[in-house]
Amino acid sequence: MLTDVAAIITQNIDEIARRWVAALRRSSRTQVHNSMLSAEIVDGLKGMLANLAQTIAQRDAPDRFTLPLLIISGTDGSETPASSAPLLDSPERLGTPFTRALREAATHGKKRQLQGYSYHEAAIEYVFLRQIMWGVLGVQAPEQGFSLPIELVQYVDRLLDELMLHSLDNFYSASVHDLEKRAIRDLSTQLYNKEYFHQRLSEEVRRAARYTQPLTVAMIDLDGLKQINDTYGHPAGDAVLLAVAEAIKNSVRQPDVPCRYGGDEFAVILTETNKSQARMMAERLLEAVRDSTVVISHGTKAGAEGSEKATPAQQGSAEGTDSPLTVVLPTVSIGLAAYPEDARNPELLVAKADATLYQAKRAGRNRIFAMENRSPGRGSP
């Protein structure tokens, strides 16, 4: 009987998927997400149904609570005894149809979260799937000469429950991960935010003290972002910020902590780095920003590229035209302060790095200052 149920599901996978899509399109709760019913989503549902059918045919038990239902429903004696089927928590379960179905359910939940679904919308999809599948089985089982005993219904429902819960668990986990990421990231540049910077700096200063290691803070400020905003508009200014943020990410090492400190100011925690080594990073950043441009296509995101400086006539206008706008990146000024020679607490370290940054700006901008310096570093023009 279980093999008959599995065969009905297998033969009607396309029909179940079609009805499922139609039900979602009729639902007011998912109306705004109709465009997200992509072939990838539907194909994932079909794969999950195919593995569910194999699970039923093999009389697989997701846990010890489901096992008695299999024993009760296996009445024809022709199928493998349910007690011999390996359970979900055993090593033998790796790669079984139900494990694959669970993976597909998990992927579905993560995709729906990325698409902006609500938790309720993610759950209602499985309600529709259950209704449609039992509608198909309820019609075709009598036509094929057998009924659906309550134990069999409970067994299949238990499998569907597991798939739904696994999908929603992963939807929830993806949501929590997204919230955690948003809590420590600047949404515009995707660098770490100011709050996370101060949290990590306190941790890194304690670590540096414990292991007697150097630590340097770099404060970075754009020279002339206001002029770009005034001349070309704020979309151009936003594109410049993104381009400079990308240059900072490309100039630091993986253990370092690049942050957007606020407005047009950035900060980097350079772990296990003295000022001489930090200056090398700062020089790389000056070089990456200098003489670079950002190209803004009408209606598209900007992308940074290195090129010759463009004149205002070549750059075009930010408004009233569909032609690309090429904006020269402003230079940056950088101030450095190091633990332990300049300061031994996080607040004073930031204050001194910030003070040297403004010394660099007053000295003519586009240069590096460190606490021990009273003249421009090698990065000056």
Protein backbone atom coordinates (compact mmCIF):
# COMPACT_ATOMS: atom_id res chain seq x y z
CA MET A 1 0.00 0.00 0.00
CA LEU A 2 2.84 2.38 0.79
CA THR A 3 4.38 1.67 -2.60
CA ASP A 4 1.03 2.49 -4.21
CA VAL A 5 0.91 5.84 -2.38
CA ALA A 6 4.49 6.56 -3.43
CA ALA A 7 3.63 5.76 -7.05
CA ILE A 8 0.67 8.16 -7.03
CA ILE A 9 2.87 10.97 -5.69
CA THR A 10 5.60 10.22 -8.23
CA GLN A 11 3.17 10.17 -11.15
CA ASN A 12 1.56 13.45 -10.09
CA ILE A 13 4.58 15.55 -9.11
CA ASP A 14 4.08 17.98 -11.99
CA GLU A 15 0.36 18.28 -11.28
CA ILE A 16 0.92 18.85 -7.54
CA ALA A 17 3.53 21.53 -8.34
CA ARG A 18 1.18 23.20 -10.84
CA ARG A 19 -1.66 23.34 -8.31
CA TRP A 20 0.72 24.58 -5.62
CA VAL A 21 1.88 27.47 -7.80
CA ALA A 22 -1.75 28.28 -8.68
CA ALA A 23 -2.72 28.28 -4.99
CA LEU A 24 0.11 30.66 -4.13
CA ARG A 25 -0.86 32.99 -6.96
CA ARG A 26 -4.43 33.12 -5.65
CA SER A 27 -3.33 33.87 -2.10
CA SER A 28 -3.47 37.54 -1.16
CA ARG A 29 -0.70 36.95 1.36
CA THR A 30 1.79 35.97 -1.34
CA GLN A 31 0.49 38.15 -4.14
CA VAL A 32 3.44 40.51 -3.93
CA HIS A 33 5.82 37.54 -4.25
CA ASN A 34 4.40 36.06 -7.46
CA SER A 35 7.49 37.04 -9.38
CA MET A 36 9.53 34.98 -6.92
CA LEU A 37 7.89 31.71 -7.96
CA SER A 38 10.90 30.98 -10.12
CA ALA A 39 11.74 27.76 -11.92
CA GLU A 40 14.41 27.18 -9.27
CA ILE A 41 11.82 27.29 -6.48
CA VAL A 42 9.39 25.00 -8.34
CA ASP A 43 12.13 22.54 -9.33
CA GLY A 44 13.24 22.39 -5.69
CA LEU A 45 9.67 21.53 -4.66
CA LYS A 46 9.52 18.77 -7.28
CA GLY A 47 12.80 17.31 -6.05
CA MET A 48 11.50 17.31 -2.48
CA LEU A 49 8.32 15.50 -3.58
CA ALA A 50 10.32 12.90 -5.52
CA ASN A 51 12.44 12.16 -2.45
CA LEU A 52 9.33 12.10 -0.26
CA ALA A 53 7.82 9.46 -2.55
CA GLN A 54 10.99 7.36 -2.30
CA THR A 55 10.91 7.73 1.47
CA ILE A 56 7.36 6.37 1.58
CA ALA A 57 8.19 3.52 -0.80
CA GLN A 58 11.15 2.51 1.38
CA ARG A 59 9.03 2.82 4.54
CA ASP A 60 11.55 5.16 6.10
CA ALA A 61 10.97 6.45 9.64
CA PRO A 62 12.18 9.96 10.51
CA ASP A 63 12.18 9.16 14.23
CA ARG A 64 11.05 6.61 16.83
CA PHE A 65 7.67 8.33 17.16
CA THR A 66 6.86 7.52 13.53
CA LEU A 67 8.07 3.91 13.66
CA PRO A 68 4.88 2.45 15.28
CA LEU A 69 2.77 3.98 12.49
CA LEU A 70 4.84 2.08 9.93
CA ILE A 71 4.44 -1.19 11.84
CA ILE A 72 0.65 -0.70 12.00
CA SER A 73 0.29 0.30 8.36
CA GLY A 74 2.51 -2.46 6.94
CA THR A 75 -0.22 -5.10 6.76
CA ASP A 76 0.38 -6.82 3.44
CA GLY A 77 3.56 -8.60 4.54
CA SER A 78 5.27 -7.95 1.22
CA GLU A 79 7.22 -4.90 2.32
CA THR A 80 10.36 -4.71 4.38
CA PRO A 81 9.53 -4.77 8.09
CA ALA A 82 9.55 -1.24 9.44
CA SER A 83 11.61 -2.22 12.46
CA SER A 84 14.61 -2.87 10.18
CA ALA A 85 14.59 0.63 8.67
CA PRO A 86 17.45 2.85 9.93
CA LEU A 87 16.37 5.97 11.82
CA LEU A 88 17.16 9.58 11.07
CA ASP A 89 19.70 9.93 13.86
CA SER A 90 21.78 6.92 12.78
CA PRO A 91 24.93 7.19 10.61
CA GLU A 92 23.38 4.90 8.00
CA ARG A 93 20.84 7.62 7.20
CA LEU A 94 23.35 9.80 5.35
CA GLY A 95 22.24 10.21 1.77
CA THR A 96 18.80 8.56 2.13
CA PRO A 97 15.82 9.97 0.21
CA PHE A 98 14.37 11.56 3.34
CA THR A 99 17.68 13.22 4.19
CA ARG A 100 17.75 14.66 0.68
CA ALA A 101 14.15 15.83 1.08
CA LEU A 102 15.09 17.58 4.33
CA ARG A 103 18.00 19.32 2.60
CA GLU A 104 15.69 20.53 -0.15
CA ALA A 105 13.20 21.77 2.44
CA ALA A 106 16.00 23.62 4.24
CA THR A 107 17.14 25.23 0.99
CA HIS A 108 13.57 26.29 0.24
CA GLY A 109 13.26 27.97 3.64
CA LYS A 110 16.53 29.87 3.22
CA LYS A 111 15.57 31.05 -0.26
CA ARG A 112 12.20 32.30 0.90
CA GLN A 113 13.86 34.26 3.71
CA LEU A 114 16.26 35.85 1.24
CA GLN A 115 13.30 36.77 -0.95
CA GLY A 116 11.71 38.68 1.90
CA TYR A 117 8.91 36.28 2.81
CA SER A 118 7.31 36.47 6.22
CA TYR A 119 7.38 33.45 8.53
CA HIS A 120 3.64 32.98 7.98
CA GLU A 121 4.04 33.03 4.21
CA ALA A 122 6.75 30.37 4.44
CA ALA A 123 4.44 28.19 6.57
CA ILE A 124 1.35 28.63 4.40
CA GLU A 125 3.19 27.13 1.44
CA TYR A 126 3.35 23.80 3.27
CA VAL A 127 -0.32 24.06 4.24
CA PHE A 128 -1.17 24.39 0.54
CA LEU A 129 1.17 21.53 -0.36
CA ARG A 130 -0.45 19.22 2.20
CA GLN A 131 -3.98 20.08 1.03
CA ILE A 132 -3.09 19.53 -2.63
CA MET A 133 -1.27 16.27 -2.06
CA TRP A 134 -4.11 14.77 -0.01
CA GLY A 135 -6.56 15.98 -2.62
CA VAL A 136 -4.68 14.00 -5.29
CA LEU A 137 -4.31 10.91 -3.07
CA GLY A 138 -7.93 11.08 -1.95
CA VAL A 139 -9.13 10.89 -5.56
CA GLN A 140 -6.66 8.42 -7.03
CA ALA A 141 -6.40 5.88 -4.20
CA PRO A 142 -10.08 4.75 -4.53
CA GLU A 143 -9.71 4.72 -8.32
CA GLN A 144 -6.84 2.26 -7.91
CA GLY A 145 -8.86 0.09 -5.55
CA PHE A 146 -7.53 0.85 -2.09
CA SER A 147 -8.38 3.16 0.79
CA LEU A 148 -6.10 5.23 3.01
CA PRO A 149 -6.11 3.89 6.58
CA ILE A 150 -5.67 6.43 9.36
CA GLU A 151 -2.24 5.02 10.28
CA LEU A 152 -0.98 5.63 6.75
CA VAL A 153 -2.38 9.15 6.76
CA GLN A 154 -0.67 9.83 10.08
CA TYR A 155 2.63 8.45 8.75
CA VAL A 156 2.63 10.63 5.61
CA ASP A 157 1.50 13.65 7.63
CA ARG A 158 4.40 13.05 10.00
CA LEU A 159 6.83 13.17 7.08
CA LEU A 160 5.26 16.39 5.83
CA ASP A 161 5.47 17.86 9.34
CA GLU A 162 9.20 17.12 9.41
CA LEU A 163 9.74 18.79 6.05
CA MET A 164 7.76 21.88 7.06
CA LEU A 165 9.51 22.21 10.43
CA HIS A 166 12.93 21.75 8.84
CA SER A 167 12.15 24.42 6.26
CA LEU A 168 10.86 26.86 8.87
CA ASP A 169 13.80 26.19 11.20
CA ASN A 170 16.17 27.14 8.41
CA PHE A 171 14.01 30.13 7.48
CA TYR A 172 14.26 31.28 11.10
CA SER A 173 18.01 30.61 11.30
CA ALA A 174 18.58 32.61 8.11
CA SER A 175 16.47 35.44 9.57
CA VAL A 176 18.48 35.48 12.79
CA HIS A 177 21.75 35.42 10.85
CA ASP A 178 20.51 38.30 8.71
CA LEU A 179 19.53 40.32 11.78
CA GLU A 180 22.89 39.64 13.43
CA LYS A 181 24.67 40.72 10.27
CA ARG A 182 22.59 43.88 10.03
CA ALA A 183 23.32 44.65 13.67
CA ILE A 184 27.08 44.87 13.07
CA ARG A 185 27.18 46.08 9.44
CA ASP A 186 26.75 49.46 7.86
CA LEU A 187 23.91 48.89 5.41
CA SER A 188 25.29 51.23 2.75
CA THR A 189 28.87 49.94 2.48
CA GLN A 190 28.61 46.52 4.19
CA LEU A 191 31.66 47.39 6.26
CA TYR A 192 31.34 46.95 10.01
CA ASN A 193 29.54 49.78 11.80
CA LYS A 194 30.77 52.15 14.51
CA GLU A 195 29.24 50.18 17.39
CA TYR A 196 30.96 46.98 16.30
CA PHE A 197 34.24 48.89 15.81
CA HIS A 198 34.28 49.99 19.45
CA GLN A 199 33.30 46.53 20.67
CA ARG A 200 36.07 44.85 18.68
CA LEU A 201 38.65 47.49 19.54
CA SER A 202 38.14 46.85 23.26
CA GLU A 203 38.57 43.12 22.64
CA GLU A 204 41.66 43.60 20.49
CA VAL A 205 43.33 45.96 22.96
CA ARG A 206 42.85 43.37 25.72
CA ARG A 207 44.25 40.68 23.43
CA ALA A 208 47.22 42.84 22.50
CA ALA A 209 47.95 43.48 26.19
CA ARG A 210 47.68 39.80 27.07
CA TYR A 211 50.00 38.57 24.31
CA THR A 212 52.26 41.66 24.15
CA GLN A 213 51.40 42.34 20.53
CA PRO A 214 51.19 45.62 18.64
CA LEU A 215 47.91 47.08 17.40
CA THR A 216 47.27 50.11 15.20
CA VAL A 217 44.12 52.09 14.52
CA ALA A 218 43.76 53.92 11.20
CA MET A 219 41.21 56.71 10.86
CA ILE A 220 40.38 57.55 7.24
CA ASP A 221 38.48 60.54 5.90
CA LEU A 222 37.42 61.40 2.34
CA ASP A 223 38.73 64.72 1.06
CA GLY A 224 35.89 66.54 -0.66
CA LEU A 225 32.83 64.29 -0.63
CA LYS A 226 30.60 67.31 -0.01
CA GLN A 227 31.79 68.86 -3.27
CA ILE A 228 30.84 65.70 -5.17
CA ASN A 229 27.39 65.67 -3.55
CA ASP A 230 26.89 69.34 -4.39
CA THR A 231 28.12 68.96 -7.97
CA TYR A 232 26.69 65.61 -9.06
CA GLY A 233 24.07 64.76 -6.45
CA HIS A 234 23.89 62.30 -3.57
CA PRO A 235 23.65 59.15 -5.77
CA ALA A 236 27.15 59.99 -7.03
CA GLY A 237 28.30 60.56 -3.45
CA ASP A 238 26.88 57.21 -2.38
CA ALA A 239 28.68 55.51 -5.27
CA VAL A 240 31.95 57.15 -4.21
CA LEU A 241 31.49 55.90 -0.64
CA LEU A 242 30.95 52.36 -1.95
CA ALA A 243 34.04 52.58 -4.13
CA VAL A 244 36.23 53.83 -1.27
CA ALA A 245 34.82 51.14 1.04
CA GLU A 246 35.76 48.53 -1.57
CA ALA A 247 39.27 50.01 -1.82
CA ILE A 248 39.63 49.79 1.97
CA LYS A 249 38.50 46.13 1.98
CA ASN A 250 41.01 45.33 -0.75
CA SER A 251 43.85 47.11 1.07
CA VAL A 252 43.56 45.39 4.46
CA ARG A 253 44.19 41.81 5.52
CA GLN A 254 41.56 39.25 6.45
CA PRO A 255 42.14 39.57 10.27
CA ASP A 256 41.79 43.37 10.16
CA VAL A 257 38.49 45.08 10.96
CA PRO A 258 37.41 47.73 8.41
CA CYS A 259 34.50 49.92 9.54
CA ARG A 260 32.44 52.87 8.43
CA TYR A 261 32.82 55.22 11.37
CA GLY A 262 30.21 57.69 10.21
CA GLY A 263 29.48 60.01 7.29
CA ASP A 264 32.59 60.08 5.09
CA GLU A 265 34.91 58.74 7.80
CA PHE A 266 36.18 55.16 8.04
CA ALA A 267 38.28 53.29 10.59
CA VAL A 268 40.37 50.13 10.49
CA ILE A 269 41.64 48.02 13.38
CA LEU A 270 44.99 46.56 12.24
CA THR A 271 45.65 43.58 14.49
CA GLU A 272 49.21 42.51 15.33
CA THR A 273 50.45 45.51 13.35
CA ASN A 274 52.87 48.24 14.33
CA LYS A 275 52.82 51.74 12.83
CA SER A 276 55.47 50.98 10.24
CA GLN A 277 53.43 48.05 8.96
CA ALA A 278 50.23 50.08 9.18
CA ARG A 279 51.79 52.77 7.02
CA MET A 280 52.26 50.19 4.26
CA MET A 281 48.52 49.49 4.32
CA ALA A 282 47.78 53.21 4.29
CA GLU A 283 50.04 53.74 1.28
CA ARG A 284 48.27 50.91 -0.57
CA LEU A 285 44.97 52.62 0.14
CA LEU A 286 46.19 56.04 -1.03
CA GLU A 287 47.41 54.44 -4.24
CA ALA A 288 44.15 52.54 -4.75
CA VAL A 289 42.05 55.68 -4.38
CA ARG A 290 44.28 58.17 -6.17
CA ASP A 291 43.43 58.75 -9.84
CA SER A 292 40.54 56.26 -9.71
CA THR A 293 37.01 56.90 -10.88
CA VAL A 294 33.55 55.54 -10.28
CA VAL A 295 31.20 55.11 -13.24
CA ILE A 296 27.48 55.50 -12.63
CA SER A 297 25.16 54.14 -15.29
CA HIS A 298 21.63 55.54 -15.35
CA GLY A 299 19.42 53.28 -13.21
CA THR A 300 22.22 50.89 -12.25
CA LYS A 301 24.63 50.50 -9.37
CA ALA A 302 28.04 52.04 -9.64
CA GLY A 303 31.26 50.15 -10.10
CA ALA A 304 34.75 51.44 -9.33
CA GLU A 305 37.50 51.32 -11.89
CA GLY A 306 40.95 52.80 -12.32
CA SER A 307 41.25 55.36 -15.11
CA GLU A 308 42.58 58.76 -15.99
CA LYS A 309 40.92 61.69 -14.31
CA ALA A 310 37.95 62.98 -16.26
CA THR A 311 37.18 66.64 -16.79
CA PRO A 312 33.71 67.97 -15.91
CA ALA A 313 32.92 68.12 -19.64
CA GLN A 314 33.80 64.45 -20.00
CA GLN A 315 31.97 63.51 -16.84
CA GLY A 316 28.56 64.67 -18.03
CA SER A 317 25.73 65.55 -15.69
CA ALA A 318 24.25 63.54 -12.83
CA GLU A 319 20.74 64.64 -13.66
CA GLY A 320 18.66 64.90 -16.80
CA THR A 321 20.66 62.41 -18.91
CA ASP A 322 20.86 58.67 -19.42
CA SER A 323 24.56 58.78 -20.32
CA PRO A 324 27.02 57.28 -17.81
CA LEU A 325 28.50 59.62 -15.25
CA THR A 326 32.20 59.29 -14.46
CA VAL A 327 33.25 60.76 -11.13
CA VAL A 328 36.85 61.01 -9.93
CA LEU A 329 37.22 59.58 -6.44
CA PRO A 330 38.27 62.14 -3.85
CA THR A 331 41.58 61.50 -2.14
CA VAL A 332 41.71 60.30 1.45
CA SER A 333 43.61 61.47 4.51
CA ILE A 334 44.76 58.88 7.06
CA GLY A 335 45.76 59.14 10.70
CA LEU A 336 47.52 56.34 12.61
CA ALA A 337 47.90 55.65 16.32
CA ALA A 338 49.32 52.48 17.85
CA TYR A 339 49.06 50.45 21.04
CA PRO A 340 50.95 50.59 23.36
CA GLU A 341 53.24 53.53 22.53
CA ASP A 342 50.53 56.09 21.72
CA ALA A 343 47.75 54.92 24.04
CA ARG A 344 46.86 51.95 26.21
CA ASN A 345 43.08 52.22 26.20
CA PRO A 346 40.66 52.08 23.24
CA GLU A 347 39.13 55.54 23.68
CA LEU A 348 42.46 57.37 23.78
CA LEU A 349 43.76 55.30 20.85
CA VAL A 350 40.83 56.44 18.69
CA ALA A 351 41.18 60.04 19.86
CA LYS A 352 44.86 60.14 18.94
CA ALA A 353 44.30 58.48 15.56
CA ASP A 354 41.56 61.03 14.90
CA ALA A 355 43.86 63.89 15.92
CA THR A 356 46.56 62.75 13.49
CA LEU A 357 43.92 62.41 10.77
CA TYR A 358 43.02 66.07 11.10
CA GLN A 359 46.69 67.01 11.14
CA ALA A 360 46.95 65.25 7.76
CA LYS A 361 43.94 67.20 6.45
CA ARG A 362 45.31 70.53 7.68
CA ALA A 363 48.68 69.73 6.09
CA GLY A 364 47.12 69.50 2.64
CA ARG A 365 45.13 66.22 2.57
CA ASN A 366 45.88 63.09 0.53
CA ARG A 367 48.53 61.99 3.01
CA ILE A 368 49.31 59.87 6.07
CA PHE A 369 50.14 61.15 9.55
CA ALA A 370 51.14 59.05 12.53
CA MET A 371 51.55 60.10 16.16
CA GLU A 372 55.33 60.28 16.00
CA ASN A 373 55.23 62.35 12.77
CA ARG A 374 54.87 66.07 12.33
CA SER A 375 55.42 65.88 8.56
CA PRO A 376 53.68 64.01 5.77
CA GLY A 377 54.36 60.33 5.29
CA ARG A 378 55.55 58.70 2.09
CA GLY A 379 51.98 58.64 0.84
CA SER A 380 51.93 62.41 0.41
CA PRO A 381 52.05 63.90 -3.07
